[in-house]
């Protein structure tokens, strides 16, 4: 006889009034300017490992987002909001790119056109995260191949800039 065991669900952390709690989704490092209790602006280093938490005031987050533009660490999936009020304020701080590792792992349950549509809708960071966790979820060869293809075609290291060899092959080299 088998019994289903239910994993205990963690309660989301509680943030103080006017404060938000965000968590890193990768081992990357980011720097954010925050105002301390004395009103001084300090540059803080966040990250270095997955799951590092950041407590930031709503005002500091809004300033950071204004300075960095629409593709910033709060909207591109590098940080996801984890405090208790995150769902209530989803419209204000939410982004379709804020996916947890569990949500990305669930993407591997899709196959064929459903999987490609799921991956095509993701931002670069989340596609690379999926490629990194593919081994741990026993992804199919087709899924891993598609992830690698998307990374190479859509997210080249130097973007759309052609390499020297490509320029030479196209005859696009100009004499100086």
C-alpha atoms as a PDB file:
ATOM      1  CA  UNK A   1       0.000   0.000   0.000  1.00  0.00           C
ATOM      2  CA  UNK A   2       1.380   3.362  -0.989  1.00  0.00           C
ATOM      3  CA  UNK A   3       0.553   6.628   0.612  1.00  0.00           C
ATOM      4  CA  UNK A   4       0.956   9.988  -0.945  1.00  0.00           C
ATOM      5  CA  UNK A   5       3.180  12.276   1.029  1.00  0.00           C
ATOM      6  CA  UNK A   6       2.524  15.927   0.796  1.00  0.00           C
ATOM      7  CA  UNK A   7       5.500  18.233   0.792  1.00  0.00           C
ATOM      8  CA  UNK A   8       5.184  21.006   3.327  1.00  0.00           C
ATOM      9  CA  UNK A   9       4.560  24.323   1.635  1.00  0.00           C
ATOM     10  CA  UNK A  10       6.714  27.200   2.718  1.00  0.00           C
ATOM     11  CA  UNK A  11       5.011  30.350   3.805  1.00  0.00           C
ATOM     12  CA  UNK A  12       6.182  33.337   1.794  1.00  0.00           C
ATOM     13  CA  UNK A  13       8.354  35.762   3.754  1.00  0.00           C
ATOM     14  CA  UNK A  14       6.630  38.786   5.204  1.00  0.00           C
ATOM     15  CA  UNK A  15       7.867  42.171   4.120  1.00  0.00           C
ATOM     16  CA  UNK A  16       7.494  45.356   6.119  1.00  0.00           C
ATOM     17  CA  UNK A  17       5.219  48.114   4.858  1.00  0.00           C
ATOM     18  CA  UNK A  18       6.710  49.700   1.700  1.00  0.00           C
ATOM     19  CA  UNK A  19       9.246  46.884   1.317  1.00  0.00           C
ATOM     20  CA  UNK A  20       9.476  44.033  -1.203  1.00  0.00           C
ATOM     21  CA  UNK A  21      11.426  40.775  -1.085  1.00  0.00           C
ATOM     22  CA  UNK A  22      12.968  39.449  -4.300  1.00  0.00           C
ATOM     23  CA  UNK A  23      14.998  36.272  -4.911  1.00  0.00           C
ATOM     24  CA  UNK A  24      17.668  35.563  -7.527  1.00  0.00           C
ATOM     25  CA  UNK A  25      16.965  32.792 -10.028  1.00  0.00           C
ATOM     26  CA  UNK A  26      20.555  32.192 -11.156  1.00  0.00           C
ATOM     27  CA  UNK A  27      24.054  32.313  -9.727  1.00  0.00           C
ATOM     28  CA  UNK A  28      24.603  35.683 -11.436  1.00  0.00           C
ATOM     29  CA  UNK A  29      25.571  38.823  -9.566  1.00  0.00           C
ATOM     30  CA  UNK A  30      23.807  42.176  -9.835  1.00  0.00           C
ATOM     31  CA  UNK A  31      24.404  45.555  -8.264  1.00  0.00           C
ATOM     32  CA  UNK A  32      21.556  47.742  -7.035  1.00  0.00           C
ATOM     33  CA  UNK A  33      21.595  51.182  -5.466  1.00  0.00           C
ATOM     34  CA  UNK A  34      19.616  51.386  -2.251  1.00  0.00           C
ATOM     35  CA  UNK A  35      18.994  54.145   0.266  1.00  0.00           C
ATOM     36  CA  UNK A  36      20.015  53.278   3.820  1.00  0.00           C
ATOM     37  CA  UNK A  37      18.322  54.428   7.052  1.00  0.00           C
ATOM     38  CA  UNK A  38      20.393  57.630   7.106  1.00  0.00           C
ATOM     39  CA  UNK A  39      19.338  58.556   3.564  1.00  0.00           C
ATOM     40  CA  UNK A  40      22.668  57.719   1.908  1.00  0.00           C
ATOM     41  CA  UNK A  41      22.631  55.890  -1.409  1.00  0.00           C
ATOM     42  CA  UNK A  42      24.729  52.725  -1.348  1.00  0.00           C
ATOM     43  CA  UNK A  43      25.576  50.239  -4.071  1.00  0.00           C
ATOM     44  CA  UNK A  44      24.727  46.705  -2.923  1.00  0.00           C
ATOM     45  CA  UNK A  45      25.891  43.440  -4.468  1.00  0.00           C
ATOM     46  CA  UNK A  46      23.219  40.756  -4.718  1.00  0.00           C
ATOM     47  CA  UNK A  47      23.649  37.198  -5.881  1.00  0.00           C
ATOM     48  CA  UNK A  48      26.554  34.885  -6.359  1.00  0.00           C
ATOM     49  CA  UNK A  49      24.267  31.902  -5.855  1.00  0.00           C
ATOM     50  CA  UNK A  50      20.706  31.000  -6.728  1.00  0.00           C
ATOM     51  CA  UNK A  51      18.121  31.895  -4.106  1.00  0.00           C
ATOM     52  CA  UNK A  52      19.831  34.963  -2.628  1.00  0.00           C
ATOM     53  CA  UNK A  53      17.188  37.296  -1.209  1.00  0.00           C
ATOM     54  CA  UNK A  54      16.994  41.043  -1.611  1.00  0.00           C
ATOM     55  CA  UNK A  55      14.925  43.304   0.618  1.00  0.00           C
ATOM     56  CA  UNK A  56      14.304  46.575  -1.175  1.00  0.00           C
ATOM     57  CA  UNK A  57      11.934  49.468  -0.706  1.00  0.00           C
ATOM     58  CA  UNK A  58       9.313  49.986  -3.367  1.00  0.00           C
ATOM     59  CA  UNK A  59      10.773  53.439  -4.080  1.00  0.00           C
ATOM     60  CA  UNK A  60      14.321  52.108  -4.596  1.00  0.00           C
ATOM     61  CA  UNK A  61      12.999  49.411  -6.961  1.00  0.00           C
ATOM     62  CA  UNK A  62      11.063  51.980  -8.983  1.00  0.00           C
ATOM     63  CA  UNK A  63      14.142  54.230  -9.230  1.00  0.00           C
ATOM     64  CA  UNK A  64      16.265  51.275 -10.384  1.00  0.00           C
ATOM     65  CA  UNK A  65      13.672  50.321 -13.010  1.00  0.00           C
ATOM     66  CA  UNK A  66      13.511  53.910 -14.301  1.00  0.00           C
ATOM     67  CA  UNK A  67      17.302  54.075 -14.607  1.00  0.00           C
ATOM     68  CA  UNK A  68      17.694  50.681 -16.314  1.00  0.00           C
ATOM     69  CA  UNK A  69      14.762  50.822 -18.707  1.00  0.00           C
ATOM     70  CA  UNK A  70      12.191  48.152 -19.496  1.00  0.00           C
ATOM     71  CA  UNK A  71      14.613  45.208 -19.566  1.00  0.00           C
ATOM     72  CA  UNK A  72      15.966  45.249 -16.021  1.00  0.00           C
ATOM     73  CA  UNK A  73      16.657  42.604 -13.378  1.00  0.00           C
ATOM     74  CA  UNK A  74      13.156  42.984 -11.908  1.00  0.00           C
ATOM     75  CA  UNK A  75      11.368  42.282 -15.197  1.00  0.00           C
ATOM     76  CA  UNK A  76      13.711  40.013 -17.185  1.00  0.00           C
ATOM     77  CA  UNK A  77      13.487  37.037 -14.830  1.00  0.00           C
ATOM     78  CA  UNK A  78      16.768  37.438 -12.935  1.00  0.00           C
ATOM     79  CA  UNK A  79      14.791  38.342  -9.812  1.00  0.00           C
ATOM     80  CA  UNK A  80      11.354  37.058  -8.840  1.00  0.00           C
ATOM     81  CA  UNK A  81       9.218  38.551  -6.106  1.00  0.00           C
ATOM     82  CA  UNK A  82       8.622  36.159  -3.216  1.00  0.00           C
ATOM     83  CA  UNK A  83       7.036  38.152  -0.396  1.00  0.00           C
ATOM     84  CA  UNK A  84       3.491  37.590   0.843  1.00  0.00           C
ATOM     85  CA  UNK A  85       2.079  40.599  -1.040  1.00  0.00           C
ATOM     86  CA  UNK A  86       3.586  39.528  -4.384  1.00  0.00           C
ATOM     87  CA  UNK A  87       0.344  38.053  -5.716  1.00  0.00           C
ATOM     88  CA  UNK A  88      -1.735  41.044  -4.582  1.00  0.00           C
ATOM     89  CA  UNK A  89       0.533  43.468  -6.422  1.00  0.00           C
ATOM     90  CA  UNK A  90       1.204  41.221  -9.445  1.00  0.00           C
ATOM     91  CA  UNK A  91      -0.115  43.774 -11.950  1.00  0.00           C
ATOM     92  CA  UNK A  92       2.301  46.442 -10.739  1.00  0.00           C
ATOM     93  CA  UNK A  93       5.522  44.435 -10.397  1.00  0.00           C
ATOM     94  CA  UNK A  94       4.723  41.327 -12.383  1.00  0.00           C
ATOM     95  CA  UNK A  95       6.367  40.289 -15.609  1.00  0.00           C
ATOM     96  CA  UNK A  96       5.798  37.289 -17.849  1.00  0.00           C
ATOM     97  CA  UNK A  97       9.518  36.573 -17.459  1.00  0.00           C
ATOM     98  CA  UNK A  98       9.384  36.066 -13.679  1.00  0.00           C
ATOM     99  CA  UNK A  99       9.312  32.292 -13.687  1.00  0.00           C
ATOM    100  CA  UNK A 100      10.469  30.118 -10.837  1.00  0.00           C
ATOM    101  CA  UNK A 101      12.666  27.096 -11.459  1.00  0.00           C
ATOM    102  CA  UNK A 102       9.642  24.872 -10.775  1.00  0.00           C
ATOM    103  CA  UNK A 103       7.649  26.643 -13.504  1.00  0.00           C
ATOM    104  CA  UNK A 104      10.510  26.178 -15.964  1.00  0.00           C
ATOM    105  CA  UNK A 105      10.808  22.508 -14.997  1.00  0.00           C
ATOM    106  CA  UNK A 106       7.081  22.112 -15.653  1.00  0.00           C
ATOM    107  CA  UNK A 107       7.724  23.378 -19.187  1.00  0.00           C
ATOM    108  CA  UNK A 108       9.550  20.119 -19.925  1.00  0.00           C
ATOM    109  CA  UNK A 109       6.258  18.235 -19.485  1.00  0.00           C
ATOM    110  CA  UNK A 110       5.165  19.758 -22.800  1.00  0.00           C
ATOM    111  CA  UNK A 111       6.190  18.167 -26.065  1.00  0.00           C
ATOM    112  CA  UNK A 112       6.252  19.086 -29.735  1.00  0.00           C
ATOM    113  CA  UNK A 113       4.565  22.341 -30.708  1.00  0.00           C
ATOM    114  CA  UNK A 114       3.502  23.066 -27.117  1.00  0.00           C
ATOM    115  CA  UNK A 115       7.133  22.951 -25.944  1.00  0.00           C
ATOM    116  CA  UNK A 116       8.416  25.114 -28.809  1.00  0.00           C
ATOM    117  CA  UNK A 117       5.661  27.688 -28.208  1.00  0.00           C
ATOM    118  CA  UNK A 118       6.531  27.758 -24.493  1.00  0.00           C
ATOM    119  CA  UNK A 119      10.253  28.285 -25.201  1.00  0.00           C
ATOM    120  CA  UNK A 120       9.631  30.857 -27.941  1.00  0.00           C
ATOM    121  CA  UNK A 121       7.718  33.027 -25.469  1.00  0.00           C
ATOM    122  CA  UNK A 122      10.603  33.062 -22.961  1.00  0.00           C
ATOM    123  CA  UNK A 123      13.253  35.736 -22.525  1.00  0.00           C
ATOM    124  CA  UNK A 124      16.919  34.862 -22.991  1.00  0.00           C
ATOM    125  CA  UNK A 125      17.636  34.370 -19.295  1.00  0.00           C
ATOM    126  CA  UNK A 126      14.864  31.803 -18.876  1.00  0.00           C
ATOM    127  CA  UNK A 127      15.849  29.894 -22.035  1.00  0.00           C
ATOM    128  CA  UNK A 128      19.395  29.632 -20.702  1.00  0.00           C
ATOM    129  CA  UNK A 129      18.052  28.571 -17.278  1.00  0.00           C
ATOM    130  CA  UNK A 130      15.996  25.830 -18.957  1.00  0.00           C
ATOM    131  CA  UNK A 131      19.068  24.609 -20.835  1.00  0.00           C
ATOM    132  CA  UNK A 132      20.993  24.508 -17.550  1.00  0.00           C
ATOM    133  CA  UNK A 133      18.364  22.397 -15.751  1.00  0.00           C
ATOM    134  CA  UNK A 134      17.623  20.089 -18.699  1.00  0.00           C
ATOM    135  CA  UNK A 135      19.815  17.285 -17.296  1.00  0.00           C
ATOM    136  CA  UNK A 136      18.190  17.348 -13.878  1.00  0.00           C
ATOM    137  CA  UNK A 137      14.681  16.923 -15.305  1.00  0.00           C
ATOM    138  CA  UNK A 138      15.687  14.282 -17.859  1.00  0.00           C
ATOM    139  CA  UNK A 139      14.631  16.348 -20.863  1.00  0.00           C
ATOM    140  CA  UNK A 140      14.289  14.644 -24.215  1.00  0.00           C
ATOM    141  CA  UNK A 141      16.963  14.970 -26.882  1.00  0.00           C
ATOM    142  CA  UNK A 142      14.532  16.975 -29.016  1.00  0.00           C
ATOM    143  CA  UNK A 143      13.904  19.440 -26.173  1.00  0.00           C
ATOM    144  CA  UNK A 144      17.611  19.965 -25.475  1.00  0.00           C
ATOM    145  CA  UNK A 145      18.318  20.325 -29.205  1.00  0.00           C
ATOM    146  CA  UNK A 146      15.597  22.937 -29.556  1.00  0.00           C
ATOM    147  CA  UNK A 147      16.849  24.908 -26.534  1.00  0.00           C
ATOM    148  CA  UNK A 148      20.384  24.916 -27.958  1.00  0.00           C
ATOM    149  CA  UNK A 149      19.069  25.964 -31.378  1.00  0.00           C
ATOM    150  CA  UNK A 150      17.144  28.885 -29.863  1.00  0.00           C
ATOM    151  CA  UNK A 151      20.184  30.018 -27.876  1.00  0.00           C
ATOM    152  CA  UNK A 152      22.424  29.944 -30.943  1.00  0.00           C
ATOM    153  CA  UNK A 153      19.941  31.564 -33.323  1.00  0.00           C
ATOM    154  CA  UNK A 154      18.206  34.130 -31.111  1.00  0.00           C
ATOM    155  CA  UNK A 155      20.763  34.887 -28.423  1.00  0.00           C
ATOM    156  CA  UNK A 156      24.172  34.888 -30.041  1.00  0.00           C
ATOM    157  CA  UNK A 157      26.995  36.148 -27.862  1.00  0.00           C
ATOM    158  CA  UNK A 158      27.479  39.289 -29.928  1.00  0.00           C
ATOM    159  CA  UNK A 159      23.861  39.705 -30.971  1.00  0.00           C
ATOM    160  CA  UNK A 160      23.290  40.416 -34.638  1.00  0.00           C
ATOM    161  CA  UNK A 161      26.856  41.526 -35.321  1.00  0.00           C
ATOM    162  CA  UNK A 162      28.412  39.229 -37.930  1.00  0.00           C
ATOM    163  CA  UNK A 163      31.741  37.583 -37.210  1.00  0.00           C
ATOM    164  CA  UNK A 164      34.877  38.387 -39.177  1.00  0.00           C
ATOM    165  CA  UNK A 165      34.535  35.159 -41.164  1.00  0.00           C
ATOM    166  CA  UNK A 166      30.896  35.936 -42.029  1.00  0.00           C
ATOM    167  CA  UNK A 167      31.837  39.410 -43.190  1.00  0.00           C
ATOM    168  CA  UNK A 168      34.728  38.048 -45.252  1.00  0.00           C
ATOM    169  CA  UNK A 169      32.492  35.412 -46.850  1.00  0.00           C
ATOM    170  CA  UNK A 170      29.918  38.082 -47.738  1.00  0.00           C
ATOM    171  CA  UNK A 171      32.641  40.345 -49.181  1.00  0.00           C
ATOM    172  CA  UNK A 172      31.630  43.045 -46.712  1.00  0.00           C
ATOM    173  CA  UNK A 173      35.164  43.898 -45.539  1.00  0.00           C
ATOM    174  CA  UNK A 174      36.058  47.463 -46.413  1.00  0.00           C
ATOM    175  CA  UNK A 175      39.603  48.685 -46.850  1.00  0.00           C
ATOM    176  CA  UNK A 176      40.584  51.416 -44.469  1.00  0.00           C
END
